[in-house]
Amino acid sequence: MLPVLYSFRRCPYAMRARMAIAVSAQSCELREIVLRNKPAPMLEASPKGTVPVLVLPEGRVIDQSLDIMLWALAKHDPQAWLEPEEGSLDDALALIEQCELMFKPSLDRYKYPDRYTGADALQSREQCLAWLRELDQRLMRFREQTAEPSLFGRRPCLADAALMPFVRQFAQVDRAWFDRQSWAELPRWLDAWLASELFEAVMAKHPVWDASQAAIVFPGA
């Protein structure tokens, strides 16, 4: 019996969970959902109603994307995502927490200003930009060592995979504007992830889950 993963293709939290599951070669039953019509089994497992939700065969539920990443990589971590080349796993987790506390709220106000009372999209964009420039400088530190630097050295780690979907979301709001900014490395880092076989695999389109249809095994053969 496989774990069941409730997911929504375009959700950045679900993206990073799928990337960790795929890179760790863990198999699960993928259940693609529609956010406006969440299936009852998902809500029974996780009443908070957000994706991703992973239901393990023994009944344990993991409904935070970072926890799903850590669960998968604890089982198998062939690319050493839990072992940053420079710094520690705690350092990587601290950077991910910065994204949650500092970047994501401003990103939401930039992308969806109509949803927030008093939100100023341009001010929120500038707040995002300030934090992204810190990522850009991190990448620049390793530019002399490799043509494709990552956030904690010459190879990707947990932080790269966890943050990339949110950088992607920011860039997609106005990619032309994003590309005009005076970046050192960030667009190249982002585009390398977007062009990767891993990202292509986790962004494959699947039909919305229906209990009457055959199970979709992710990541598949």
N, C-alpha and C. Protein backbone atom coordinates (compact mmCIF):
# COMPACT_ATOMS: atom_id res chain seq x y z
N MET A 1 0.85 -1.20 0.00
CA MET A 1 0.00 0.00 0.00
C MET A 1 0.89 1.24 0.00
N LEU A 2 0.62 2.16 -0.92
CA LEU A 2 1.44 3.36 -1.05
C LEU A 2 0.90 4.51 -0.20
N PRO A 3 1.80 5.41 0.22
CA PRO A 3 1.31 6.68 0.79
C PRO A 3 0.46 7.41 -0.23
N VAL A 4 -0.45 8.22 0.24
CA VAL A 4 -1.32 9.01 -0.63
C VAL A 4 -0.92 10.47 -0.50
N LEU A 5 -0.66 11.11 -1.64
CA LEU A 5 -0.30 12.53 -1.65
C LEU A 5 -1.40 13.33 -2.33
N TYR A 6 -2.06 14.19 -1.57
CA TYR A 6 -3.01 15.15 -2.14
C TYR A 6 -2.21 16.38 -2.56
N SER A 7 -2.38 16.80 -3.80
CA SER A 7 -1.54 17.85 -4.35
C SER A 7 -2.35 18.73 -5.29
N PHE A 8 -1.81 19.90 -5.56
CA PHE A 8 -2.36 20.81 -6.57
C PHE A 8 -1.16 21.27 -7.39
N ARG A 9 -1.18 21.02 -8.66
CA ARG A 9 0.00 21.17 -9.51
C ARG A 9 0.70 22.51 -9.37
N ARG A 10 -0.04 23.61 -9.32
CA ARG A 10 0.56 24.94 -9.37
C ARG A 10 0.90 25.51 -7.99
N CYS A 11 0.55 24.83 -6.94
CA CYS A 11 0.84 25.34 -5.60
C CYS A 11 2.34 25.20 -5.29
N PRO A 12 3.03 26.27 -4.92
CA PRO A 12 4.47 26.16 -4.65
C PRO A 12 4.79 25.23 -3.49
N TYR A 13 3.93 25.17 -2.48
CA TYR A 13 4.17 24.24 -1.38
C TYR A 13 4.09 22.80 -1.87
N ALA A 14 3.10 22.52 -2.72
CA ALA A 14 2.97 21.17 -3.26
C ALA A 14 4.12 20.85 -4.21
N MET A 15 4.59 21.85 -4.96
CA MET A 15 5.73 21.63 -5.86
C MET A 15 6.95 21.13 -5.10
N ARG A 16 7.27 21.81 -4.01
CA ARG A 16 8.50 21.44 -3.30
C ARG A 16 8.36 20.07 -2.64
N ALA A 17 7.17 19.74 -2.20
CA ALA A 17 6.96 18.41 -1.65
C ALA A 17 7.15 17.35 -2.72
N ARG A 18 6.59 17.59 -3.91
CA ARG A 18 6.73 16.61 -5.00
C ARG A 18 8.19 16.48 -5.43
N MET A 19 8.93 17.58 -5.43
CA MET A 19 10.34 17.49 -5.80
C MET A 19 11.13 16.61 -4.84
N ALA A 20 10.89 16.76 -3.56
CA ALA A 20 11.60 15.94 -2.58
C ALA A 20 11.20 14.48 -2.70
N ILE A 21 9.93 14.22 -2.90
CA ILE A 21 9.47 12.84 -3.07
C ILE A 21 10.11 12.22 -4.31
N ALA A 22 10.16 12.99 -5.39
CA ALA A 22 10.73 12.48 -6.63
C ALA A 22 12.23 12.24 -6.51
N VAL A 23 12.96 13.20 -5.94
CA VAL A 23 14.42 13.05 -5.87
C VAL A 23 14.81 11.95 -4.89
N SER A 24 13.96 11.66 -3.94
CA SER A 24 14.25 10.60 -2.98
C SER A 24 13.76 9.23 -3.45
N ALA A 25 13.13 9.20 -4.62
CA ALA A 25 12.64 7.96 -5.23
C ALA A 25 11.62 7.25 -4.35
N GLN A 26 10.81 8.03 -3.64
CA GLN A 26 9.70 7.46 -2.89
C GLN A 26 8.47 7.43 -3.78
N SER A 27 7.75 6.35 -3.77
CA SER A 27 6.53 6.24 -4.57
C SER A 27 5.31 6.55 -3.72
N CYS A 28 4.34 7.18 -4.32
CA CYS A 28 3.09 7.45 -3.63
C CYS A 28 1.96 7.46 -4.64
N GLU A 29 0.74 7.42 -4.15
CA GLU A 29 -0.42 7.60 -5.00
C GLU A 29 -0.71 9.09 -5.05
N LEU A 30 -0.63 9.67 -6.23
CA LEU A 30 -0.87 11.09 -6.39
C LEU A 30 -2.36 11.35 -6.62
N ARG A 31 -2.91 12.24 -5.83
CA ARG A 31 -4.30 12.65 -6.00
C ARG A 31 -4.33 14.15 -6.24
N GLU A 32 -4.43 14.52 -7.50
CA GLU A 32 -4.52 15.93 -7.89
C GLU A 32 -5.91 16.44 -7.56
N ILE A 33 -5.96 17.59 -6.88
CA ILE A 33 -7.25 18.11 -6.45
C ILE A 33 -7.51 19.47 -7.09
N VAL A 34 -8.74 19.93 -6.95
CA VAL A 34 -9.13 21.29 -7.30
C VAL A 34 -9.43 22.00 -5.99
N LEU A 35 -8.79 23.14 -5.78
CA LEU A 35 -8.89 23.80 -4.47
C LEU A 35 -10.31 24.24 -4.13
N ARG A 36 -11.10 24.55 -5.15
CA ARG A 36 -12.48 24.99 -4.88
C ARG A 36 -13.42 23.82 -4.61
N ASN A 37 -12.92 22.60 -4.78
CA ASN A 37 -13.76 21.42 -4.55
C ASN A 37 -12.90 20.32 -3.92
N LYS A 38 -12.51 20.55 -2.69
CA LYS A 38 -11.58 19.64 -2.02
C LYS A 38 -12.28 18.34 -1.65
N PRO A 39 -11.65 17.20 -1.94
CA PRO A 39 -12.31 15.92 -1.67
C PRO A 39 -12.44 15.65 -0.17
N ALA A 40 -13.52 14.98 0.17
CA ALA A 40 -13.78 14.67 1.58
C ALA A 40 -12.66 13.88 2.24
N PRO A 41 -12.07 12.86 1.58
CA PRO A 41 -10.99 12.11 2.25
C PRO A 41 -9.80 12.99 2.63
N MET A 42 -9.50 14.00 1.83
CA MET A 42 -8.41 14.91 2.16
C MET A 42 -8.76 15.74 3.39
N LEU A 43 -9.98 16.26 3.43
CA LEU A 43 -10.40 17.08 4.56
C LEU A 43 -10.52 16.26 5.84
N GLU A 44 -10.86 14.99 5.71
CA GLU A 44 -10.89 14.12 6.88
C GLU A 44 -9.49 13.91 7.43
N ALA A 45 -8.53 13.78 6.52
CA ALA A 45 -7.15 13.56 6.94
C ALA A 45 -6.54 14.84 7.50
N SER A 46 -6.87 15.98 6.88
CA SER A 46 -6.28 17.27 7.28
C SER A 46 -7.34 18.35 7.17
N PRO A 47 -8.06 18.64 8.24
CA PRO A 47 -9.16 19.61 8.18
C PRO A 47 -8.73 21.02 7.78
N LYS A 48 -7.44 21.34 7.86
CA LYS A 48 -7.03 22.70 7.48
C LYS A 48 -7.24 22.95 6.00
N GLY A 49 -7.31 21.90 5.20
CA GLY A 49 -7.75 22.04 3.82
C GLY A 49 -6.75 22.64 2.86
N THR A 50 -5.46 22.56 3.17
CA THR A 50 -4.44 23.07 2.24
C THR A 50 -3.57 21.91 1.78
N VAL A 51 -2.97 22.09 0.61
CA VAL A 51 -2.06 21.08 0.08
C VAL A 51 -0.63 21.55 0.31
N PRO A 52 0.29 20.56 0.35
CA PRO A 52 0.09 19.12 0.17
C PRO A 52 -0.31 18.43 1.47
N VAL A 53 -0.90 17.26 1.31
CA VAL A 53 -1.22 16.38 2.44
C VAL A 53 -0.73 14.99 2.07
N LEU A 54 0.08 14.41 2.93
CA LEU A 54 0.58 13.06 2.72
C LEU A 54 0.00 12.15 3.79
N VAL A 55 -0.69 11.10 3.36
CA VAL A 55 -1.28 10.14 4.28
C VAL A 55 -0.50 8.84 4.14
N LEU A 56 0.20 8.46 5.21
CA LEU A 56 1.02 7.26 5.18
C LEU A 56 0.17 6.01 5.38
N PRO A 57 0.66 4.86 4.94
CA PRO A 57 -0.16 3.63 5.03
C PRO A 57 -0.64 3.30 6.44
N GLU A 58 0.16 3.65 7.45
CA GLU A 58 -0.25 3.35 8.83
C GLU A 58 -1.23 4.37 9.37
N GLY A 59 -1.58 5.39 8.56
CA GLY A 59 -2.56 6.38 8.98
C GLY A 59 -1.99 7.71 9.42
N ARG A 60 -0.69 7.80 9.59
CA ARG A 60 -0.08 9.06 9.99
C ARG A 60 -0.25 10.08 8.86
N VAL A 61 -0.55 11.32 9.24
CA VAL A 61 -0.78 12.39 8.26
C VAL A 61 0.32 13.44 8.42
N ILE A 62 0.94 13.81 7.30
CA ILE A 62 1.92 14.91 7.27
C ILE A 62 1.34 15.98 6.35
N ASP A 63 1.00 17.13 6.92
CA ASP A 63 0.31 18.14 6.12
C ASP A 63 1.03 19.47 6.08
N GLN A 64 2.35 19.44 6.28
CA GLN A 64 3.19 20.61 6.05
C GLN A 64 4.22 20.24 5.00
N SER A 65 4.40 21.09 4.00
CA SER A 65 5.25 20.73 2.87
C SER A 65 6.69 20.46 3.29
N LEU A 66 7.23 21.27 4.18
CA LEU A 66 8.61 21.06 4.61
C LEU A 66 8.76 19.74 5.35
N ASP A 67 7.76 19.38 6.15
CA ASP A 67 7.80 18.10 6.85
C ASP A 67 7.75 16.94 5.87
N ILE A 68 7.01 17.09 4.79
CA ILE A 68 6.97 16.04 3.76
C ILE A 68 8.33 15.91 3.10
N MET A 69 8.96 17.04 2.81
CA MET A 69 10.31 16.99 2.24
C MET A 69 11.28 16.26 3.16
N LEU A 70 11.25 16.61 4.42
CA LEU A 70 12.16 15.98 5.38
C LEU A 70 11.86 14.50 5.55
N TRP A 71 10.58 14.14 5.53
CA TRP A 71 10.21 12.72 5.62
C TRP A 71 10.80 11.94 4.45
N ALA A 72 10.62 12.46 3.24
CA ALA A 72 11.09 11.76 2.04
C ALA A 72 12.61 11.65 2.04
N LEU A 73 13.29 12.75 2.35
CA LEU A 73 14.74 12.76 2.28
C LEU A 73 15.38 11.97 3.42
N ALA A 74 14.69 11.83 4.52
CA ALA A 74 15.20 10.99 5.60
C ALA A 74 15.22 9.53 5.19
N LYS A 75 14.33 9.17 4.27
CA LYS A 75 14.30 7.80 3.78
C LYS A 75 15.40 7.55 2.75
N HIS A 76 15.63 8.53 1.89
CA HIS A 76 16.66 8.36 0.84
C HIS A 76 17.03 9.75 0.34
N ASP A 77 18.31 10.06 0.39
CA ASP A 77 18.77 11.40 0.04
C ASP A 77 19.97 11.29 -0.91
N PRO A 78 19.75 10.81 -2.14
CA PRO A 78 20.87 10.51 -3.04
C PRO A 78 21.66 11.74 -3.47
N GLN A 79 21.05 12.91 -3.43
CA GLN A 79 21.76 14.13 -3.83
C GLN A 79 22.21 14.97 -2.64
N ALA A 80 22.12 14.39 -1.45
CA ALA A 80 22.59 15.03 -0.21
C ALA A 80 21.93 16.40 0.02
N TRP A 81 20.64 16.48 -0.21
CA TRP A 81 19.93 17.73 0.05
C TRP A 81 19.93 18.10 1.52
N LEU A 82 20.04 17.11 2.39
CA LEU A 82 20.06 17.39 3.83
C LEU A 82 21.46 17.69 4.35
N GLU A 83 22.43 17.72 3.46
CA GLU A 83 23.81 17.97 3.85
C GLU A 83 24.38 19.10 3.00
N PRO A 84 24.06 20.34 3.33
CA PRO A 84 24.59 21.46 2.54
C PRO A 84 26.11 21.43 2.47
N GLU A 85 26.63 21.83 1.32
CA GLU A 85 28.07 21.83 1.16
C GLU A 85 28.73 22.84 2.09
N GLU A 86 28.10 23.99 2.27
CA GLU A 86 28.60 24.99 3.20
C GLU A 86 27.50 25.28 4.21
N GLY A 87 27.86 25.34 5.48
CA GLY A 87 26.84 25.53 6.50
C GLY A 87 26.22 24.19 6.89
N SER A 88 25.11 24.28 7.58
CA SER A 88 24.47 23.08 8.13
C SER A 88 23.01 23.01 7.69
N LEU A 89 22.39 21.88 8.00
CA LEU A 89 20.95 21.75 7.73
C LEU A 89 20.17 22.81 8.49
N ASP A 90 20.59 23.11 9.73
CA ASP A 90 19.90 24.16 10.49
C ASP A 90 20.00 25.51 9.78
N ASP A 91 21.13 25.78 9.14
CA ASP A 91 21.26 27.04 8.38
C ASP A 91 20.27 27.06 7.21
N ALA A 92 20.16 25.93 6.53
CA ALA A 92 19.21 25.84 5.42
C ALA A 92 17.78 26.02 5.91
N LEU A 93 17.45 25.39 7.03
CA LEU A 93 16.10 25.53 7.59
C LEU A 93 15.83 26.96 8.02
N ALA A 94 16.85 27.65 8.52
CA ALA A 94 16.66 29.05 8.92
C ALA A 94 16.36 29.93 7.72
N LEU A 95 17.02 29.66 6.59
CA LEU A 95 16.74 30.43 5.39
C LEU A 95 15.32 30.15 4.88
N ILE A 96 14.90 28.91 4.96
CA ILE A 96 13.53 28.56 4.57
C ILE A 96 12.53 29.28 5.48
N GLU A 97 12.84 29.36 6.76
CA GLU A 97 11.94 30.06 7.69
C GLU A 97 11.87 31.55 7.35
N GLN A 98 12.99 32.13 6.93
CA GLN A 98 12.97 33.52 6.49
C GLN A 98 11.99 33.72 5.34
N CYS A 99 12.00 32.77 4.42
CA CYS A 99 11.06 32.84 3.30
C CYS A 99 9.63 32.86 3.80
N GLU A 100 9.33 32.00 4.75
CA GLU A 100 7.97 31.90 5.27
C GLU A 100 7.55 33.19 6.00
N LEU A 101 8.47 33.75 6.78
CA LEU A 101 8.12 34.88 7.64
C LEU A 101 8.27 36.23 6.96
N MET A 102 9.24 36.35 6.04
CA MET A 102 9.57 37.65 5.47
C MET A 102 9.13 37.80 4.01
N PHE A 103 9.36 36.76 3.23
CA PHE A 103 9.12 36.87 1.80
C PHE A 103 7.69 36.51 1.41
N LYS A 104 7.19 35.40 1.90
CA LYS A 104 5.88 34.90 1.45
C LYS A 104 4.74 35.89 1.74
N PRO A 105 4.67 36.54 2.91
CA PRO A 105 3.58 37.50 3.11
C PRO A 105 3.60 38.64 2.11
N SER A 106 4.80 39.16 1.81
CA SER A 106 4.90 40.24 0.82
C SER A 106 4.59 39.73 -0.58
N LEU A 107 5.00 38.51 -0.88
CA LEU A 107 4.68 37.91 -2.17
C LEU A 107 3.18 37.83 -2.36
N ASP A 108 2.46 37.39 -1.35
CA ASP A 108 1.00 37.28 -1.46
C ASP A 108 0.37 38.65 -1.73
N ARG A 109 0.87 39.67 -1.06
CA ARG A 109 0.32 41.02 -1.24
C ARG A 109 0.70 41.61 -2.60
N TYR A 110 1.82 41.19 -3.12
CA TYR A 110 2.23 41.63 -4.46
C TYR A 110 1.38 40.94 -5.52
N LYS A 111 1.20 39.65 -5.37
CA LYS A 111 0.49 38.89 -6.40
C LYS A 111 -1.03 39.04 -6.28
N TYR A 112 -1.54 39.14 -5.06
CA TYR A 112 -3.00 39.20 -4.85
C TYR A 112 -3.38 40.43 -4.01
N PRO A 113 -3.08 41.65 -4.45
CA PRO A 113 -3.35 42.82 -3.60
C PRO A 113 -4.83 43.01 -3.29
N ASP A 114 -5.72 42.52 -4.15
CA ASP A 114 -7.15 42.70 -3.92
C ASP A 114 -7.66 41.86 -2.75
N ARG A 115 -6.86 40.88 -2.35
CA ARG A 115 -7.29 40.02 -1.25
C ARG A 115 -6.94 40.60 0.12
N TYR A 116 -6.14 41.67 0.15
CA TYR A 116 -5.64 42.18 1.42
C TYR A 116 -6.00 43.65 1.57
N THR A 117 -6.65 43.97 2.66
CA THR A 117 -7.04 45.35 2.94
C THR A 117 -5.80 46.22 3.10
N GLY A 118 -5.77 47.30 2.33
CA GLY A 118 -4.64 48.23 2.44
C GLY A 118 -3.36 47.75 1.80
N ALA A 119 -3.40 46.66 1.06
CA ALA A 119 -2.18 46.13 0.44
C ALA A 119 -1.74 47.05 -0.69
N ASP A 120 -0.44 47.31 -0.76
CA ASP A 120 0.17 48.09 -1.83
C ASP A 120 1.08 47.16 -2.60
N ALA A 121 0.68 46.83 -3.84
CA ALA A 121 1.42 45.84 -4.61
C ALA A 121 2.85 46.27 -4.87
N LEU A 122 3.07 47.55 -5.19
CA LEU A 122 4.42 48.01 -5.50
C LEU A 122 5.31 48.00 -4.27
N GLN A 123 4.76 48.41 -3.14
CA GLN A 123 5.54 48.37 -1.90
C GLN A 123 5.89 46.92 -1.54
N SER A 124 4.93 46.04 -1.72
CA SER A 124 5.17 44.62 -1.43
C SER A 124 6.21 44.05 -2.37
N ARG A 125 6.18 44.47 -3.63
CA ARG A 125 7.18 44.01 -4.59
C ARG A 125 8.58 44.44 -4.16
N GLU A 126 8.71 45.66 -3.67
CA GLU A 126 10.02 46.15 -3.22
C GLU A 126 10.50 45.38 -2.00
N GLN A 127 9.59 45.00 -1.12
CA GLN A 127 9.96 44.20 0.05
C GLN A 127 10.45 42.82 -0.40
N CYS A 128 9.77 42.24 -1.37
CA CYS A 128 10.22 40.97 -1.93
C CYS A 128 11.60 41.12 -2.57
N LEU A 129 11.76 42.18 -3.31
CA LEU A 129 13.00 42.40 -4.04
C LEU A 129 14.18 42.49 -3.09
N ALA A 130 14.00 43.16 -1.96
CA ALA A 130 15.10 43.29 -0.99
C ALA A 130 15.54 41.92 -0.49
N TRP A 131 14.60 41.03 -0.23
CA TRP A 131 14.96 39.69 0.26
C TRP A 131 15.59 38.86 -0.86
N LEU A 132 15.07 38.98 -2.06
CA LEU A 132 15.62 38.23 -3.19
C LEU A 132 17.05 38.66 -3.49
N ARG A 133 17.36 39.92 -3.26
CA ARG A 133 18.74 40.35 -3.49
C ARG A 133 19.70 39.66 -2.52
N GLU A 134 19.24 39.32 -1.35
CA GLU A 134 20.07 38.56 -0.42
C GLU A 134 20.34 37.16 -0.97
N LEU A 135 19.32 36.54 -1.57
CA LEU A 135 19.55 35.25 -2.22
C LEU A 135 20.54 35.39 -3.36
N ASP A 136 20.39 36.46 -4.11
CA ASP A 136 21.28 36.70 -5.25
C ASP A 136 22.73 36.81 -4.78
N GLN A 137 22.94 37.49 -3.68
CA GLN A 137 24.31 37.63 -3.15
C GLN A 137 24.84 36.30 -2.62
N ARG A 138 23.98 35.48 -2.06
CA ARG A 138 24.41 34.14 -1.63
C ARG A 138 24.91 33.35 -2.83
N LEU A 139 24.17 33.40 -3.91
CA LEU A 139 24.56 32.67 -5.12
C LEU A 139 25.87 33.21 -5.67
N MET A 140 26.05 34.51 -5.62
CA MET A 140 27.25 35.12 -6.17
C MET A 140 28.50 34.67 -5.41
N ARG A 141 28.35 34.37 -4.14
CA ARG A 141 29.49 33.92 -3.34
C ARG A 141 30.14 32.68 -3.92
N PHE A 142 29.35 31.84 -4.58
CA PHE A 142 29.87 30.57 -5.08
C PHE A 142 30.11 30.60 -6.58
N ARG A 143 29.94 31.78 -7.18
CA ARG A 143 30.07 31.87 -8.63
C ARG A 143 31.49 31.54 -9.11
N GLU A 144 32.51 31.85 -8.33
CA GLU A 144 33.87 31.57 -8.74
C GLU A 144 34.19 30.08 -8.68
N GLN A 145 33.39 29.31 -7.96
CA GLN A 145 33.65 27.89 -7.79
C GLN A 145 32.93 27.03 -8.82
N THR A 146 31.84 27.54 -9.38
CA THR A 146 31.04 26.73 -10.30
C THR A 146 30.22 27.64 -11.21
N ALA A 147 29.90 27.14 -12.39
CA ALA A 147 29.08 27.92 -13.32
C ALA A 147 27.62 27.96 -12.90
N GLU A 148 27.20 27.03 -12.05
CA GLU A 148 25.81 26.98 -11.60
C GLU A 148 25.78 26.92 -10.07
N PRO A 149 26.03 28.04 -9.42
CA PRO A 149 26.05 28.05 -7.95
C PRO A 149 24.67 27.81 -7.35
N SER A 150 24.68 27.32 -6.12
CA SER A 150 23.45 27.11 -5.36
C SER A 150 23.52 27.93 -4.07
N LEU A 151 22.50 27.85 -3.27
CA LEU A 151 22.40 28.73 -2.11
C LEU A 151 23.38 28.39 -1.00
N PHE A 152 23.84 27.14 -0.97
CA PHE A 152 24.78 26.73 0.07
C PHE A 152 26.00 26.03 -0.52
N GLY A 153 26.41 26.43 -1.70
CA GLY A 153 27.60 25.83 -2.28
C GLY A 153 27.46 25.55 -3.76
N ARG A 154 28.20 24.56 -4.20
CA ARG A 154 28.25 24.25 -5.63
C ARG A 154 27.15 23.31 -6.08
N ARG A 155 26.42 22.76 -5.14
CA ARG A 155 25.34 21.84 -5.50
C ARG A 155 24.08 22.20 -4.72
N PRO A 156 22.92 21.86 -5.24
CA PRO A 156 21.67 22.21 -4.56
C PRO A 156 21.51 21.46 -3.24
N CYS A 157 20.75 22.05 -2.36
CA CYS A 157 20.38 21.40 -1.11
C CYS A 157 18.90 21.67 -0.85
N LEU A 158 18.45 21.31 0.33
CA LEU A 158 17.04 21.45 0.70
C LEU A 158 16.54 22.88 0.47
N ALA A 159 17.35 23.87 0.81
CA ALA A 159 16.90 25.26 0.69
C ALA A 159 16.61 25.64 -0.75
N ASP A 160 17.45 25.21 -1.68
CA ASP A 160 17.22 25.54 -3.09
C ASP A 160 15.86 25.03 -3.55
N ALA A 161 15.57 23.77 -3.25
CA ALA A 161 14.32 23.17 -3.69
C ALA A 161 13.12 23.76 -2.97
N ALA A 162 13.29 24.11 -1.70
CA ALA A 162 12.17 24.64 -0.92
C ALA A 162 11.83 26.08 -1.32
N LEU A 163 12.83 26.85 -1.72
CA LEU A 163 12.60 28.26 -2.03
C LEU A 163 12.27 28.51 -3.50
N MET A 164 12.80 27.68 -4.39
CA MET A 164 12.64 27.93 -5.82
C MET A 164 11.18 28.13 -6.25
N PRO A 165 10.22 27.32 -5.80
CA PRO A 165 8.83 27.54 -6.27
C PRO A 165 8.28 28.92 -5.94
N PHE A 166 8.76 29.53 -4.84
CA PHE A 166 8.27 30.85 -4.46
C PHE A 166 8.97 31.95 -5.26
N VAL A 167 10.26 31.74 -5.56
CA VAL A 167 10.95 32.67 -6.45
C VAL A 167 10.30 32.62 -7.83
N ARG A 168 9.98 31.42 -8.28
CA ARG A 168 9.27 31.25 -9.55
C ARG A 168 7.96 32.01 -9.55
N GLN A 169 7.21 31.89 -8.46
CA GLN A 169 5.91 32.56 -8.39
C GLN A 169 6.08 34.07 -8.47
N PHE A 170 7.08 34.59 -7.78
CA PHE A 170 7.34 36.02 -7.84
C PHE A 170 7.71 36.45 -9.26
N ALA A 171 8.62 35.72 -9.89
CA ALA A 171 9.09 36.07 -11.23
C ALA A 171 7.95 36.03 -12.23
N GLN A 172 7.02 35.11 -12.07
CA GLN A 172 5.94 34.94 -13.04
C GLN A 172 4.93 36.09 -13.03
N VAL A 173 4.87 36.84 -11.95
CA VAL A 173 3.92 37.96 -11.91
C VAL A 173 4.23 38.93 -13.03
N ASP A 174 5.51 39.22 -13.24
CA ASP A 174 5.93 40.11 -14.34
C ASP A 174 7.37 39.72 -14.69
N ARG A 175 7.51 38.70 -15.54
CA ARG A 175 8.83 38.18 -15.84
C ARG A 175 9.70 39.22 -16.54
N ALA A 176 9.12 40.04 -17.39
CA ALA A 176 9.91 41.06 -18.07
C ALA A 176 10.53 42.04 -17.07
N TRP A 177 9.73 42.47 -16.10
CA TRP A 177 10.25 43.36 -15.05
C TRP A 177 11.32 42.65 -14.23
N PHE A 178 11.05 41.42 -13.86
CA PHE A 178 12.00 40.63 -13.07
C PHE A 178 13.34 40.55 -13.78
N ASP A 179 13.32 40.28 -15.06
CA ASP A 179 14.57 40.13 -15.82
C ASP A 179 15.32 41.45 -15.98
N ARG A 180 14.64 42.56 -15.87
CA ARG A 180 15.30 43.86 -16.01
C ARG A 180 16.06 44.29 -14.76
N GLN A 181 15.86 43.59 -13.65
CA GLN A 181 16.54 43.98 -12.42
C GLN A 181 18.02 43.59 -12.49
N SER A 182 18.81 44.26 -11.70
CA SER A 182 20.27 44.08 -11.77
C SER A 182 20.71 42.87 -10.93
N TRP A 183 20.36 41.70 -11.43
CA TRP A 183 20.74 40.48 -10.74
C TRP A 183 22.16 40.06 -11.09
N ALA A 184 22.79 39.36 -10.15
CA ALA A 184 24.07 38.72 -10.44
C ALA A 184 23.87 37.28 -10.92
N GLU A 185 23.00 36.54 -10.21
CA GLU A 185 22.86 35.10 -10.50
C GLU A 185 21.44 34.57 -10.43
N LEU A 186 20.54 35.27 -9.77
CA LEU A 186 19.24 34.67 -9.45
C LEU A 186 18.46 34.16 -10.65
N PRO A 187 18.34 34.91 -11.76
CA PRO A 187 17.58 34.37 -12.90
C PRO A 187 18.20 33.10 -13.47
N ARG A 188 19.51 33.03 -13.52
CA ARG A 188 20.15 31.81 -14.04
C ARG A 188 19.87 30.62 -13.13
N TRP A 189 19.94 30.86 -11.82
CA TRP A 189 19.62 29.80 -10.85
C TRP A 189 18.18 29.33 -11.04
N LEU A 190 17.26 30.28 -11.14
CA LEU A 190 15.85 29.94 -11.31
C LEU A 190 15.64 29.17 -12.61
N ASP A 191 16.18 29.67 -13.71
CA ASP A 191 15.94 29.04 -15.00
C ASP A 191 16.56 27.65 -15.08
N ALA A 192 17.68 27.44 -14.39
CA ALA A 192 18.29 26.10 -14.36
C ALA A 192 17.34 25.11 -13.68
N TRP A 193 16.69 25.54 -12.61
CA TRP A 193 15.71 24.68 -11.96
C TRP A 193 14.51 24.43 -12.86
N LEU A 194 14.03 25.47 -13.50
CA LEU A 194 12.84 25.33 -14.34
C LEU A 194 13.09 24.42 -15.54
N ALA A 195 14.33 24.38 -16.00
CA ALA A 195 14.67 23.55 -17.15
C ALA A 195 15.10 22.14 -16.77
N SER A 196 15.15 21.85 -15.49
CA SER A 196 15.66 20.56 -15.03
C SER A 196 14.66 19.43 -15.30
N GLU A 197 15.18 18.23 -15.46
CA GLU A 197 14.32 17.06 -15.63
C GLU A 197 13.45 16.84 -14.39
N LEU A 198 14.00 17.14 -13.23
CA LEU A 198 13.23 16.97 -12.00
C LEU A 198 11.99 17.85 -12.01
N PHE A 199 12.17 19.13 -12.33
CA PHE A 199 11.02 20.03 -12.31
C PHE A 199 10.01 19.66 -13.39
N GLU A 200 10.52 19.29 -14.54
CA GLU A 200 9.62 18.86 -15.61
C GLU A 200 8.78 17.67 -15.17
N ALA A 201 9.41 16.73 -14.45
CA ALA A 201 8.69 15.54 -14.00
C ALA A 201 7.61 15.88 -12.99
N VAL A 202 7.93 16.76 -12.04
CA VAL A 202 6.94 17.05 -11.00
C VAL A 202 5.84 17.98 -11.48
N MET A 203 6.04 18.62 -12.64
CA MET A 203 5.02 19.52 -13.18
C MET A 203 4.18 18.87 -14.27
N ALA A 204 4.35 17.58 -14.47
CA ALA A 204 3.51 16.87 -15.44
C ALA A 204 2.03 17.02 -15.03
N LYS A 205 1.17 17.16 -16.01
CA LYS A 205 -0.25 17.34 -15.73
C LYS A 205 -0.93 15.99 -15.52
N HIS A 206 -1.79 15.95 -14.53
CA HIS A 206 -2.56 14.74 -14.22
C HIS A 206 -4.03 15.11 -14.06
N PRO A 207 -4.91 14.20 -14.35
CA PRO A 207 -6.34 14.50 -14.17
C PRO A 207 -6.69 14.67 -12.70
N VAL A 208 -7.72 15.42 -12.46
CA VAL A 208 -8.22 15.58 -11.09
C VAL A 208 -8.63 14.21 -10.55
N TRP A 209 -8.26 13.98 -9.30
CA TRP A 209 -8.51 12.67 -8.71
C TRP A 209 -9.99 12.33 -8.66
N ASP A 210 -10.26 11.10 -9.03
CA ASP A 210 -11.61 10.54 -8.97
C ASP A 210 -11.45 9.13 -8.43
N ALA A 211 -12.17 8.83 -7.34
CA ALA A 211 -12.01 7.54 -6.68
C ALA A 211 -12.34 6.37 -7.60
N SER A 212 -13.07 6.63 -8.67
CA SER A 212 -13.45 5.54 -9.56
C SER A 212 -12.37 5.21 -10.58
N GLN A 213 -11.34 6.08 -10.69
CA GLN A 213 -10.30 5.87 -11.68
C GLN A 213 -9.10 5.14 -11.08
N ALA A 214 -8.26 4.59 -11.96
CA ALA A 214 -7.07 3.89 -11.51
C ALA A 214 -6.14 4.88 -10.83
N ALA A 215 -5.43 4.37 -9.83
CA ALA A 215 -4.51 5.21 -9.05
C ALA A 215 -3.35 5.67 -9.94
N ILE A 216 -2.89 6.91 -9.71
CA ILE A 216 -1.71 7.46 -10.40
C ILE A 216 -0.53 7.32 -9.46
N VAL A 217 0.48 6.56 -9.89
CA VAL A 217 1.66 6.39 -9.07
C VAL A 217 2.67 7.48 -9.42
N PHE A 218 3.10 8.19 -8.39
CA PHE A 218 4.08 9.28 -8.55
C PHE A 218 5.34 8.90 -7.79
N PRO A 219 6.54 9.16 -8.35
CA PRO A 219 6.79 9.84 -9.62
C PRO A 219 6.67 8.98 -10.85
N GLY A 220 6.36 7.76 -10.72
CA GLY A 220 6.18 6.90 -11.90
C GLY A 220 7.50 6.32 -12.38
N ALA A 221 7.41 5.53 -13.44
CA ALA A 221 8.60 4.84 -13.97
C ALA A 221 9.47 5.81 -14.73
